[in-house]
C-alpha atoms as a PDB file:
ATOM      1  CA  UNK A   1       0.012  -0.014   0.005  1.00  0.00           C
ATOM      2  CA  UNK A   2       1.189   3.408  -0.766  1.00  0.00           C
ATOM      3  CA  UNK A   3       0.689   6.337   1.568  1.00  0.00           C
ATOM      4  CA  UNK A   4      -0.887   9.504   0.192  1.00  0.00           C
ATOM      5  CA  UNK A   5       1.111  12.609   1.046  1.00  0.00           C
ATOM      6  CA  UNK A   6      -0.981  15.551   2.098  1.00  0.00           C
ATOM      7  CA  UNK A   7       0.262  19.096   1.773  1.00  0.00           C
ATOM      8  CA  UNK A   8      -0.856  21.498   4.493  1.00  0.00           C
ATOM      9  CA  UNK A   9      -2.695  24.523   3.167  1.00  0.00           C
ATOM     10  CA  UNK A  10      -0.676  27.783   3.127  1.00  0.00           C
ATOM     11  CA  UNK A  11      -1.451  30.188   5.943  1.00  0.00           C
ATOM     12  CA  UNK A  12      -2.544  33.643   4.878  1.00  0.00           C
ATOM     13  CA  UNK A  13      -1.106  36.301   7.199  1.00  0.00           C
ATOM     14  CA  UNK A  14      -3.677  38.437   8.859  1.00  0.00           C
ATOM     15  CA  UNK A  15      -3.426  41.919  10.244  1.00  0.00           C
ATOM     16  CA  UNK A  16      -2.102  41.931  13.751  1.00  0.00           C
ATOM     17  CA  UNK A  17      -5.166  42.599  15.844  1.00  0.00           C
ATOM     18  CA  UNK A  18      -6.501  41.599  19.240  1.00  0.00           C
ATOM     19  CA  UNK A  19      -9.593  39.349  19.503  1.00  0.00           C
ATOM     20  CA  UNK A  20     -11.682  42.505  19.879  1.00  0.00           C
ATOM     21  CA  UNK A  21     -10.369  43.996  16.636  1.00  0.00           C
ATOM     22  CA  UNK A  22      -8.022  46.577  18.169  1.00  0.00           C
ATOM     23  CA  UNK A  23      -4.515  46.997  16.719  1.00  0.00           C
ATOM     24  CA  UNK A  24      -1.673  45.149  18.370  1.00  0.00           C
ATOM     25  CA  UNK A  25       1.328  46.922  19.931  1.00  0.00           C
ATOM     26  CA  UNK A  26       3.258  46.564  16.575  1.00  0.00           C
ATOM     27  CA  UNK A  27       0.717  48.752  14.856  1.00  0.00           C
ATOM     28  CA  UNK A  28       0.837  51.300  17.691  1.00  0.00           C
ATOM     29  CA  UNK A  29       4.620  51.465  17.432  1.00  0.00           C
ATOM     30  CA  UNK A  30       4.404  52.206  13.689  1.00  0.00           C
ATOM     31  CA  UNK A  31       1.888  54.999  14.363  1.00  0.00           C
ATOM     32  CA  UNK A  32       4.135  56.370  17.108  1.00  0.00           C
ATOM     33  CA  UNK A  33       7.130  56.509  14.807  1.00  0.00           C
ATOM     34  CA  UNK A  34       5.095  58.382  12.166  1.00  0.00           C
ATOM     35  CA  UNK A  35       3.910  60.870  14.847  1.00  0.00           C
ATOM     36  CA  UNK A  36       7.490  61.422  16.041  1.00  0.00           C
ATOM     37  CA  UNK A  37       8.602  62.197  12.473  1.00  0.00           C
ATOM     38  CA  UNK A  38       5.709  64.618  12.083  1.00  0.00           C
ATOM     39  CA  UNK A  39       6.124  66.387  15.475  1.00  0.00           C
ATOM     40  CA  UNK A  40       9.133  68.588  14.503  1.00  0.00           C
ATOM     41  CA  UNK A  41       7.259  69.882  11.465  1.00  0.00           C
ATOM     42  CA  UNK A  42       4.258  70.676  13.616  1.00  0.00           C
ATOM     43  CA  UNK A  43       6.445  72.824  15.832  1.00  0.00           C
ATOM     44  CA  UNK A  44       8.081  74.486  12.815  1.00  0.00           C
ATOM     45  CA  UNK A  45       4.832  75.169  11.002  1.00  0.00           C
ATOM     46  CA  UNK A  46       4.049  78.518  12.672  1.00  0.00           C
ATOM     47  CA  UNK A  47       7.655  79.914  12.584  1.00  0.00           C
ATOM     48  CA  UNK A  48       8.038  78.875   8.911  1.00  0.00           C
ATOM     49  CA  UNK A  49       4.703  80.509   8.076  1.00  0.00           C
ATOM     50  CA  UNK A  50       5.784  83.743   9.760  1.00  0.00           C
ATOM     51  CA  UNK A  51       9.194  83.601   8.074  1.00  0.00           C
ATOM     52  CA  UNK A  52       7.675  83.151   4.625  1.00  0.00           C
ATOM     53  CA  UNK A  53       4.930  85.759   5.232  1.00  0.00           C
ATOM     54  CA  UNK A  54       7.092  88.545   6.699  1.00  0.00           C
ATOM     55  CA  UNK A  55      10.490  87.859   5.035  1.00  0.00           C
ATOM     56  CA  UNK A  56      10.408  86.010   1.746  1.00  0.00           C
ATOM     57  CA  UNK A  57       7.133  87.428   0.426  1.00  0.00           C
ATOM     58  CA  UNK A  58       8.227  91.043   1.076  1.00  0.00           C
ATOM     59  CA  UNK A  59      11.603  90.346  -0.520  1.00  0.00           C
ATOM     60  CA  UNK A  60       9.861  88.916  -3.568  1.00  0.00           C
ATOM     61  CA  UNK A  61       7.592  91.970  -3.772  1.00  0.00           C
ATOM     62  CA  UNK A  62      10.626  94.262  -3.399  1.00  0.00           C
ATOM     63  CA  UNK A  63      12.365  92.585  -6.315  1.00  0.00           C
ATOM     64  CA  UNK A  64       9.179  92.889  -8.411  1.00  0.00           C
ATOM     65  CA  UNK A  65       8.785  96.616  -7.503  1.00  0.00           C
ATOM     66  CA  UNK A  66      12.388  97.277  -8.485  1.00  0.00           C
ATOM     67  CA  UNK A  67      11.460  96.686 -12.124  1.00  0.00           C
ATOM     68  CA  UNK A  68       8.558  99.132 -12.025  1.00  0.00           C
ATOM     69  CA  UNK A  69       8.019 102.890 -11.605  1.00  0.00           C
ATOM     70  CA  UNK A  70       5.527 102.413  -8.720  1.00  0.00           C
ATOM     71  CA  UNK A  71       5.166 105.447  -6.463  1.00  0.00           C
ATOM     72  CA  UNK A  72       3.970 103.439  -3.440  1.00  0.00           C
ATOM     73  CA  UNK A  73       0.413 104.767  -3.629  1.00  0.00           C
ATOM     74  CA  UNK A  74      -1.039 104.401  -7.111  1.00  0.00           C
ATOM     75  CA  UNK A  75      -2.431 101.007  -8.121  1.00  0.00           C
ATOM     76  CA  UNK A  76      -0.755 101.405 -11.513  1.00  0.00           C
ATOM     77  CA  UNK A  77       2.698  99.864 -11.853  1.00  0.00           C
ATOM     78  CA  UNK A  78       4.397 100.363 -15.177  1.00  0.00           C
ATOM     79  CA  UNK A  79       7.177  97.857 -15.988  1.00  0.00           C
ATOM     80  CA  UNK A  80      10.445  99.724 -16.672  1.00  0.00           C
ATOM     81  CA  UNK A  81      12.907  96.859 -16.941  1.00  0.00           C
ATOM     82  CA  UNK A  82      16.362  97.607 -15.523  1.00  0.00           C
ATOM     83  CA  UNK A  83      15.999 101.378 -15.743  1.00  0.00           C
ATOM     84  CA  UNK A  84      16.012 101.814 -11.953  1.00  0.00           C
ATOM     85  CA  UNK A  85      19.229  99.809 -11.641  1.00  0.00           C
ATOM     86  CA  UNK A  86      20.794 101.892 -14.465  1.00  0.00           C
ATOM     87  CA  UNK A  87      19.939 105.088 -12.570  1.00  0.00           C
ATOM     88  CA  UNK A  88      21.558 103.857  -9.370  1.00  0.00           C
ATOM     89  CA  UNK A  89      24.875 103.168 -11.068  1.00  0.00           C
ATOM     90  CA  UNK A  90      24.898 106.125 -13.463  1.00  0.00           C
ATOM     91  CA  UNK A  91      23.520 108.980 -11.327  1.00  0.00           C
ATOM     92  CA  UNK A  92      26.410 110.235  -9.136  1.00  0.00           C
ATOM     93  CA  UNK A  93      24.101 111.636  -6.432  1.00  0.00           C
ATOM     94  CA  UNK A  94      22.626 108.177  -5.923  1.00  0.00           C
ATOM     95  CA  UNK A  95      25.825 106.115  -5.860  1.00  0.00           C
ATOM     96  CA  UNK A  96      28.022 108.666  -4.081  1.00  0.00           C
ATOM     97  CA  UNK A  97      26.489 107.806  -0.708  1.00  0.00           C
ATOM     98  CA  UNK A  98      28.327 104.529  -0.704  1.00  0.00           C
ATOM     99  CA  UNK A  99      31.543 106.412   0.044  1.00  0.00           C
ATOM    100  CA  UNK A 100      30.090 107.473   3.420  1.00  0.00           C
ATOM    101  CA  UNK A 101      30.180 103.804   4.369  1.00  0.00           C
ATOM    102  CA  UNK A 102      34.010 103.911   4.437  1.00  0.00           C
ATOM    103  CA  UNK A 103      33.863 106.010   7.622  1.00  0.00           C
ATOM    104  CA  UNK A 104      31.793 103.348   9.327  1.00  0.00           C
ATOM    105  CA  UNK A 105      33.937 100.539   7.883  1.00  0.00           C
ATOM    106  CA  UNK A 106      37.039 102.111   9.431  1.00  0.00           C
ATOM    107  CA  UNK A 107      35.118 102.536  12.663  1.00  0.00           C
ATOM    108  CA  UNK A 108      34.119  98.872  12.544  1.00  0.00           C
ATOM    109  CA  UNK A 109      37.761  97.836  12.219  1.00  0.00           C
ATOM    110  CA  UNK A 110      38.662  99.912  15.287  1.00  0.00           C
ATOM    111  CA  UNK A 111      35.669  98.517  17.081  1.00  0.00           C
ATOM    112  CA  UNK A 112      36.801  94.898  16.469  1.00  0.00           C
ATOM    113  CA  UNK A 113      40.330  95.633  17.616  1.00  0.00           C
ATOM    114  CA  UNK A 114      39.131  97.366  20.800  1.00  0.00           C
ATOM    115  CA  UNK A 115      36.629  94.627  21.613  1.00  0.00           C
ATOM    116  CA  UNK A 116      39.183  91.882  21.042  1.00  0.00           C
ATOM    117  CA  UNK A 117      41.726  93.668  23.268  1.00  0.00           C
ATOM    118  CA  UNK A 118      39.314  94.041  26.195  1.00  0.00           C
ATOM    119  CA  UNK A 119      37.917  90.519  25.734  1.00  0.00           C
ATOM    120  CA  UNK A 120      41.415  89.099  25.908  1.00  0.00           C
ATOM    121  CA  UNK A 121      42.423  91.148  28.920  1.00  0.00           C
ATOM    122  CA  UNK A 122      39.221  90.495  30.884  1.00  0.00           C
ATOM    123  CA  UNK A 123      39.303  86.771  30.128  1.00  0.00           C
ATOM    124  CA  UNK A 124      42.109  86.457  32.631  1.00  0.00           C
ATOM    125  CA  UNK A 125      41.749  86.707  36.352  1.00  0.00           C
ATOM    126  CA  UNK A 126      41.648  90.445  37.139  1.00  0.00           C
ATOM    127  CA  UNK A 127      40.075  92.465  39.912  1.00  0.00           C
ATOM    128  CA  UNK A 128      36.704  94.117  39.042  1.00  0.00           C
ATOM    129  CA  UNK A 129      36.602  92.345  35.727  1.00  0.00           C
ATOM    130  CA  UNK A 130      32.847  91.750  36.004  1.00  0.00           C
ATOM    131  CA  UNK A 131      32.386  95.484  36.568  1.00  0.00           C
ATOM    132  CA  UNK A 132      34.315  96.287  33.433  1.00  0.00           C
ATOM    133  CA  UNK A 133      32.387  93.699  31.464  1.00  0.00           C
ATOM    134  CA  UNK A 134      29.148  95.451  32.412  1.00  0.00           C
ATOM    135  CA  UNK A 135      30.536  98.877  31.578  1.00  0.00           C
ATOM    136  CA  UNK A 136      31.630  97.742  28.102  1.00  0.00           C
ATOM    137  CA  UNK A 137      28.360  95.970  27.271  1.00  0.00           C
ATOM    138  CA  UNK A 138      26.000  98.590  28.699  1.00  0.00           C
ATOM    139  CA  UNK A 139      26.007 100.955  25.668  1.00  0.00           C
ATOM    140  CA  UNK A 140      24.680  98.205  23.444  1.00  0.00           C
ATOM    141  CA  UNK A 141      21.646  97.866  25.657  1.00  0.00           C
ATOM    142  CA  UNK A 142      20.610 101.538  25.262  1.00  0.00           C
ATOM    143  CA  UNK A 143      17.963 102.416  22.713  1.00  0.00           C
ATOM    144  CA  UNK A 144      19.449 103.860  19.531  1.00  0.00           C
ATOM    145  CA  UNK A 145      17.110 106.826  19.520  1.00  0.00           C
ATOM    146  CA  UNK A 146      18.213 107.753  23.058  1.00  0.00           C
ATOM    147  CA  UNK A 147      21.880 107.441  22.004  1.00  0.00           C
ATOM    148  CA  UNK A 148      21.270 109.718  19.025  1.00  0.00           C
ATOM    149  CA  UNK A 149      19.759 112.484  21.197  1.00  0.00           C
ATOM    150  CA  UNK A 150      22.419 112.155  23.874  1.00  0.00           C
ATOM    151  CA  UNK A 151      25.292 112.574  21.351  1.00  0.00           C
ATOM    152  CA  UNK A 152      23.410 115.270  19.512  1.00  0.00           C
ATOM    153  CA  UNK A 153      23.737 117.427  22.622  1.00  0.00           C
ATOM    154  CA  UNK A 154      27.251 116.125  23.159  1.00  0.00           C
ATOM    155  CA  UNK A 155      28.493 117.357  19.757  1.00  0.00           C
ATOM    156  CA  UNK A 156      26.415 120.535  19.361  1.00  0.00           C
ATOM    157  CA  UNK A 157      28.053 123.971  19.487  1.00  0.00           C
ATOM    158  CA  UNK A 158      28.858 124.805  23.089  1.00  0.00           C
ATOM    159  CA  UNK A 159      27.806 121.345  24.138  1.00  0.00           C
ATOM    160  CA  UNK A 160      29.412 118.764  26.408  1.00  0.00           C
ATOM    161  CA  UNK A 161      32.440 118.101  24.186  1.00  0.00           C
ATOM    162  CA  UNK A 162      33.240 121.833  23.813  1.00  0.00           C
ATOM    163  CA  UNK A 163      32.841 122.348  27.550  1.00  0.00           C
ATOM    164  CA  UNK A 164      35.228 119.523  28.386  1.00  0.00           C
ATOM    165  CA  UNK A 165      37.790 120.737  25.850  1.00  0.00           C
ATOM    166  CA  UNK A 166      37.558 124.275  27.228  1.00  0.00           C
ATOM    167  CA  UNK A 167      38.675 122.986  30.645  1.00  0.00           C
ATOM    168  CA  UNK A 168      41.986 122.069  29.059  1.00  0.00           C
ATOM    169  CA  UNK A 169      42.216 125.248  27.019  1.00  0.00           C
ATOM    170  CA  UNK A 170      41.479 123.455  23.773  1.00  0.00           C
ATOM    171  CA  UNK A 171      38.040 124.894  23.033  1.00  0.00           C
ATOM    172  CA  UNK A 172      37.981 125.899  19.390  1.00  0.00           C
ATOM    173  CA  UNK A 173      34.276 126.388  18.767  1.00  0.00           C
ATOM    174  CA  UNK A 174      34.435 123.892  15.956  1.00  0.00           C
ATOM    175  CA  UNK A 175      31.094 122.717  14.533  1.00  0.00           C
ATOM    176  CA  UNK A 176      31.515 118.990  14.958  1.00  0.00           C
ATOM    177  CA  UNK A 177      28.461 118.204  12.841  1.00  0.00           C
ATOM    178  CA  UNK A 178      28.893 121.146  10.505  1.00  0.00           C
ATOM    179  CA  UNK A 179      31.059 119.756   7.717  1.00  0.00           C
ATOM    180  CA  UNK A 180      31.045 116.299   6.081  1.00  0.00           C
ATOM    181  CA  UNK A 181      34.439 115.065   7.310  1.00  0.00           C
ATOM    182  CA  UNK A 182      34.047 115.926  10.987  1.00  0.00           C
ATOM    183  CA  UNK A 183      30.358 114.978  11.002  1.00  0.00           C
ATOM    184  CA  UNK A 184      30.916 111.525   9.547  1.00  0.00           C
ATOM    185  CA  UNK A 185      33.915 110.957  11.854  1.00  0.00           C
ATOM    186  CA  UNK A 186      31.850 111.945  14.870  1.00  0.00           C
ATOM    187  CA  UNK A 187      28.937 109.690  13.869  1.00  0.00           C
ATOM    188  CA  UNK A 188      31.297 106.785  13.218  1.00  0.00           C
ATOM    189  CA  UNK A 189      32.773 107.346  16.700  1.00  0.00           C
ATOM    190  CA  UNK A 190      29.286 107.040  18.183  1.00  0.00           C
ATOM    191  CA  UNK A 191      28.879 103.718  16.382  1.00  0.00           C
ATOM    192  CA  UNK A 192      32.148 102.488  17.927  1.00  0.00           C
ATOM    193  CA  UNK A 193      30.913 103.469  21.415  1.00  0.00           C
ATOM    194  CA  UNK A 194      27.605 101.736  20.907  1.00  0.00           C
ATOM    195  CA  UNK A 195      28.559  98.434  19.199  1.00  0.00           C
ATOM    196  CA  UNK A 196      31.893  97.609  20.810  1.00  0.00           C
ATOM    197  CA  UNK A 197      30.028  95.790  23.573  1.00  0.00           C
ATOM    198  CA  UNK A 198      28.424  93.391  21.087  1.00  0.00           C
ATOM    199  CA  UNK A 199      31.763  92.310  19.620  1.00  0.00           C
ATOM    200  CA  UNK A 200      33.216  92.206  23.136  1.00  0.00           C
ATOM    201  CA  UNK A 201      30.639  89.665  24.241  1.00  0.00           C
ATOM    202  CA  UNK A 202      31.097  87.544  21.155  1.00  0.00           C
ATOM    203  CA  UNK A 203      34.889  87.444  21.599  1.00  0.00           C
ATOM    204  CA  UNK A 204      34.673  86.854  25.330  1.00  0.00           C
ATOM    205  CA  UNK A 205      32.326  83.878  24.910  1.00  0.00           C
ATOM    206  CA  UNK A 206      34.608  82.412  22.280  1.00  0.00           C
ATOM    207  CA  UNK A 207      37.681  82.857  24.519  1.00  0.00           C
ATOM    208  CA  UNK A 208      36.012  81.305  27.508  1.00  0.00           C
ATOM    209  CA  UNK A 209      35.016  78.273  25.452  1.00  0.00           C
ATOM    210  CA  UNK A 210      38.661  77.384  24.997  1.00  0.00           C
ATOM    211  CA  UNK A 211      39.671  74.580  27.412  1.00  0.00           C
ATOM    212  CA  UNK A 212      41.441  75.897  30.480  1.00  0.00           C
ATOM    213  CA  UNK A 213      44.007  73.061  30.331  1.00  0.00           C
ATOM    214  CA  UNK A 214      45.630  74.756  27.374  1.00  0.00           C
ATOM    215  CA  UNK A 215      46.298  77.892  29.365  1.00  0.00           C
ATOM    216  CA  UNK A 216      47.683  75.847  32.281  1.00  0.00           C
ATOM    217  CA  UNK A 217      49.993  73.924  29.945  1.00  0.00           C
ATOM    218  CA  UNK A 218      51.166  77.183  28.324  1.00  0.00           C
ATOM    219  CA  UNK A 219      51.912  78.728  31.706  1.00  0.00           C
ATOM    220  CA  UNK A 220      53.898  75.662  32.728  1.00  0.00           C
ATOM    221  CA  UNK A 221      55.928  76.046  29.524  1.00  0.00           C
ATOM    222  CA  UNK A 222      56.612  79.692  30.377  1.00  0.00           C
ATOM    223  CA  UNK A 223      54.421  81.204  27.657  1.00  0.00           C
ATOM    224  CA  UNK A 224      53.740  84.929  27.969  1.00  0.00           C
ATOM    225  CA  UNK A 225      50.331  86.549  27.600  1.00  0.00           C
ATOM    226  CA  UNK A 226      51.133  87.505  24.023  1.00  0.00           C
ATOM    227  CA  UNK A 227      52.214  83.967  23.193  1.00  0.00           C
ATOM    228  CA  UNK A 228      49.002  82.618  24.753  1.00  0.00           C
ATOM    229  CA  UNK A 229      47.001  85.009  22.620  1.00  0.00           C
ATOM    230  CA  UNK A 230      48.914  84.248  19.455  1.00  0.00           C
ATOM    231  CA  UNK A 231      48.957  80.462  19.706  1.00  0.00           C
ATOM    232  CA  UNK A 232      45.805  79.642  21.721  1.00  0.00           C
ATOM    233  CA  UNK A 233      43.255  82.490  21.672  1.00  0.00           C
ATOM    234  CA  UNK A 234      43.670  83.751  18.092  1.00  0.00           C
ATOM    235  CA  UNK A 235      43.307  80.325  16.408  1.00  0.00           C
ATOM    236  CA  UNK A 236      40.465  79.350  18.769  1.00  0.00           C
ATOM    237  CA  UNK A 237      38.301  82.377  18.035  1.00  0.00           C
ATOM    238  CA  UNK A 238      38.924  82.609  14.287  1.00  0.00           C
ATOM    239  CA  UNK A 239      35.317  81.626  13.333  1.00  0.00           C
ATOM    240  CA  UNK A 240      33.933  84.326  15.625  1.00  0.00           C
ATOM    241  CA  UNK A 241      36.309  86.896  14.144  1.00  0.00           C
ATOM    242  CA  UNK A 242      35.050  85.955  10.712  1.00  0.00           C
ATOM    243  CA  UNK A 243      31.477  86.443  11.866  1.00  0.00           C
ATOM    244  CA  UNK A 244      32.331  89.823  13.340  1.00  0.00           C
ATOM    245  CA  UNK A 245      33.877  90.927  10.055  1.00  0.00           C
ATOM    246  CA  UNK A 246      30.722  89.969   8.174  1.00  0.00           C
ATOM    247  CA  UNK A 247      28.588  91.838  10.656  1.00  0.00           C
ATOM    248  CA  UNK A 248      30.919  94.861  10.486  1.00  0.00           C
ATOM    249  CA  UNK A 249      30.816  95.074   6.678  1.00  0.00           C
ATOM    250  CA  UNK A 250      27.063  94.598   6.450  1.00  0.00           C
ATOM    251  CA  UNK A 251      26.487  97.059   9.301  1.00  0.00           C
ATOM    252  CA  UNK A 252      28.701  99.713   7.752  1.00  0.00           C
ATOM    253  CA  UNK A 253      26.719  99.494   4.501  1.00  0.00           C
ATOM    254  CA  UNK A 254      23.324  99.661   6.228  1.00  0.00           C
ATOM    255  CA  UNK A 255      23.830 102.388   8.798  1.00  0.00           C
ATOM    256  CA  UNK A 256      20.605 104.284   9.403  1.00  0.00           C
ATOM    257  CA  UNK A 257      19.577 104.996  13.011  1.00  0.00           C
ATOM    258  CA  UNK A 258      22.344 107.230  14.394  1.00  0.00           C
ATOM    259  CA  UNK A 259      22.926 109.564  11.410  1.00  0.00           C
ATOM    260  CA  UNK A 260      19.190 109.856  10.679  1.00  0.00           C
ATOM    261  CA  UNK A 261      18.457 111.012  14.245  1.00  0.00           C
ATOM    262  CA  UNK A 262      21.489 113.262  14.698  1.00  0.00           C
ATOM    263  CA  UNK A 263      21.727 114.957  11.299  1.00  0.00           C
ATOM    264  CA  UNK A 264      18.857 113.661   9.171  1.00  0.00           C
ATOM    265  CA  UNK A 265      21.387 113.004   6.431  1.00  0.00           C
ATOM    266  CA  UNK A 266      22.485 116.670   6.230  1.00  0.00           C
ATOM    267  CA  UNK A 267      26.083 117.916   5.777  1.00  0.00           C
ATOM    268  CA  UNK A 268      27.081 114.948   3.649  1.00  0.00           C
ATOM    269  CA  UNK A 269      26.085 112.250   6.213  1.00  0.00           C
ATOM    270  CA  UNK A 270      23.430 110.572   4.054  1.00  0.00           C
ATOM    271  CA  UNK A 271      23.947 106.823   4.029  1.00  0.00           C
ATOM    272  CA  UNK A 272      22.597 104.399   1.459  1.00  0.00           C
ATOM    273  CA  UNK A 273      19.720 103.338   3.694  1.00  0.00           C
ATOM    274  CA  UNK A 274      18.765 106.950   4.518  1.00  0.00           C
ATOM    275  CA  UNK A 275      18.732 107.735   0.816  1.00  0.00           C
ATOM    276  CA  UNK A 276      16.599 104.651   0.096  1.00  0.00           C
ATOM    277  CA  UNK A 277      14.053 105.689   2.763  1.00  0.00           C
ATOM    278  CA  UNK A 278      13.881 109.214   1.363  1.00  0.00           C
ATOM    279  CA  UNK A 279      13.376 107.937  -2.181  1.00  0.00           C
ATOM    280  CA  UNK A 280      10.483 105.757  -1.053  1.00  0.00           C
ATOM    281  CA  UNK A 281       8.661 107.974   1.421  1.00  0.00           C
ATOM    282  CA  UNK A 282       9.715 111.550   0.626  1.00  0.00           C
ATOM    283  CA  UNK A 283       9.977 111.472  -3.171  1.00  0.00           C
ATOM    284  CA  UNK A 284       7.456 108.618  -3.725  1.00  0.00           C
ATOM    285  CA  UNK A 285       9.880 106.617  -5.889  1.00  0.00           C
ATOM    286  CA  UNK A 286       9.194 103.205  -4.424  1.00  0.00           C
ATOM    287  CA  UNK A 287      10.418 101.395  -7.548  1.00  0.00           C
ATOM    288  CA  UNK A 288      13.809 103.159  -7.469  1.00  0.00           C
ATOM    289  CA  UNK A 289      14.053 102.667  -3.681  1.00  0.00           C
ATOM    290  CA  UNK A 290      13.328  98.951  -4.077  1.00  0.00           C
ATOM    291  CA  UNK A 291      16.078  98.689  -6.708  1.00  0.00           C
ATOM    292  CA  UNK A 292      18.472 100.430  -4.269  1.00  0.00           C
ATOM    293  CA  UNK A 293      17.542  97.924  -1.525  1.00  0.00           C
ATOM    294  CA  UNK A 294      18.139  95.024  -3.902  1.00  0.00           C
ATOM    295  CA  UNK A 295      21.550  96.426  -4.825  1.00  0.00           C
ATOM    296  CA  UNK A 296      22.463  96.772  -1.161  1.00  0.00           C
ATOM    297  CA  UNK A 297      21.354  93.161  -0.490  1.00  0.00           C
ATOM    298  CA  UNK A 298      23.406  91.831  -3.432  1.00  0.00           C
ATOM    299  CA  UNK A 299      26.489  93.790  -2.340  1.00  0.00           C
ATOM    300  CA  UNK A 300      26.268  92.385   1.208  1.00  0.00           C
ATOM    301  CA  UNK A 301      25.813  88.832  -0.120  1.00  0.00           C
ATOM    302  CA  UNK A 302      28.739  89.283  -2.505  1.00  0.00           C
ATOM    303  CA  UNK A 303      31.065  90.585   0.218  1.00  0.00           C
ATOM    304  CA  UNK A 304      29.976  87.752   2.531  1.00  0.00           C
ATOM    305  CA  UNK A 305      30.677  85.161  -0.169  1.00  0.00           C
ATOM    306  CA  UNK A 306      34.146  86.624  -0.905  1.00  0.00           C
ATOM    307  CA  UNK A 307      34.963  86.664   2.792  1.00  0.00           C
ATOM    308  CA  UNK A 308      33.879  83.042   3.159  1.00  0.00           C
ATOM    309  CA  UNK A 309      35.965  82.037   0.162  1.00  0.00           C
ATOM    310  CA  UNK A 310      39.063  83.869   1.348  1.00  0.00           C
ATOM    311  CA  UNK A 311      38.748  82.777   4.992  1.00  0.00           C
ATOM    312  CA  UNK A 312      36.755  79.517   5.019  1.00  0.00           C
ATOM    313  CA  UNK A 313      35.546  78.050   8.263  1.00  0.00           C
ATOM    314  CA  UNK A 314      37.836  75.274   9.325  1.00  0.00           C
ATOM    315  CA  UNK A 315      37.757  73.110  12.416  1.00  0.00           C
ATOM    316  CA  UNK A 316      40.444  74.351  14.738  1.00  0.00           C
ATOM    317  CA  UNK A 317      42.313  71.723  16.702  1.00  0.00           C
ATOM    318  CA  UNK A 318      44.277  73.337  19.523  1.00  0.00           C
ATOM    319  CA  UNK A 319      45.383  70.127  21.183  1.00  0.00           C
END
């Protein structure tokens, strides 16, 4: 007799459920993983919506307006091509204001040097160093409008500066805000006083992030303060110095608050941003003002790109 071989029927997999029809823990885990992947986007939804609404959409509109002759009020916008950009680069009175930025660029360089010096000195153990930190950072906390009015009285004829100079017999009755050279120099000095604290905090934080063991090893080897700065501090804070340079260049090109409050752009102190604001709101040339803003944005991006190419960010290994 021969035996008949029977093949067991194949089992069809079923969804993992409990006898009551509810999903098993495996299904719950899959749903939990999907929710975890979605959670960051839920938190980012509102900030991204605000960013797009109040940053990218206005920038897009500004670029569109720069190719029109819109006056900012009329619903009619006539397309003019690149005529606004041609005017910016061919009309001397529009492009000349860029040269005022050199005063603030020189002031920014002095500001970085001063901030780096004090950050290095106060990073070591000195008496009253916390007091000096507060004194250096305090001007940055003051409102820019208040600073403008304070220094307006400081530099006015017969004001605080003239009174102090007269104590030493040096009072000359010079109008500090009366001619372009002295006015721009005075305004750039105000910027140094105000923004040195910001760079100081950036440098101080970078210096304090350097491991203390490196300083101890350098002291054991007999390294001087200058040698510690040259071989430990300077390489360790190079990325922050690069950031400060970018902020300095962009800030010198977009100065507005201090000169607008103190002089209103008179006596040759008009900056590019002041001129842009006047074109838009005083002369109703919103299209031309938008083109000027686009040019300023492109210049800042170009300078930033050049700086990043010349001084790329590299991981610094001090050990």
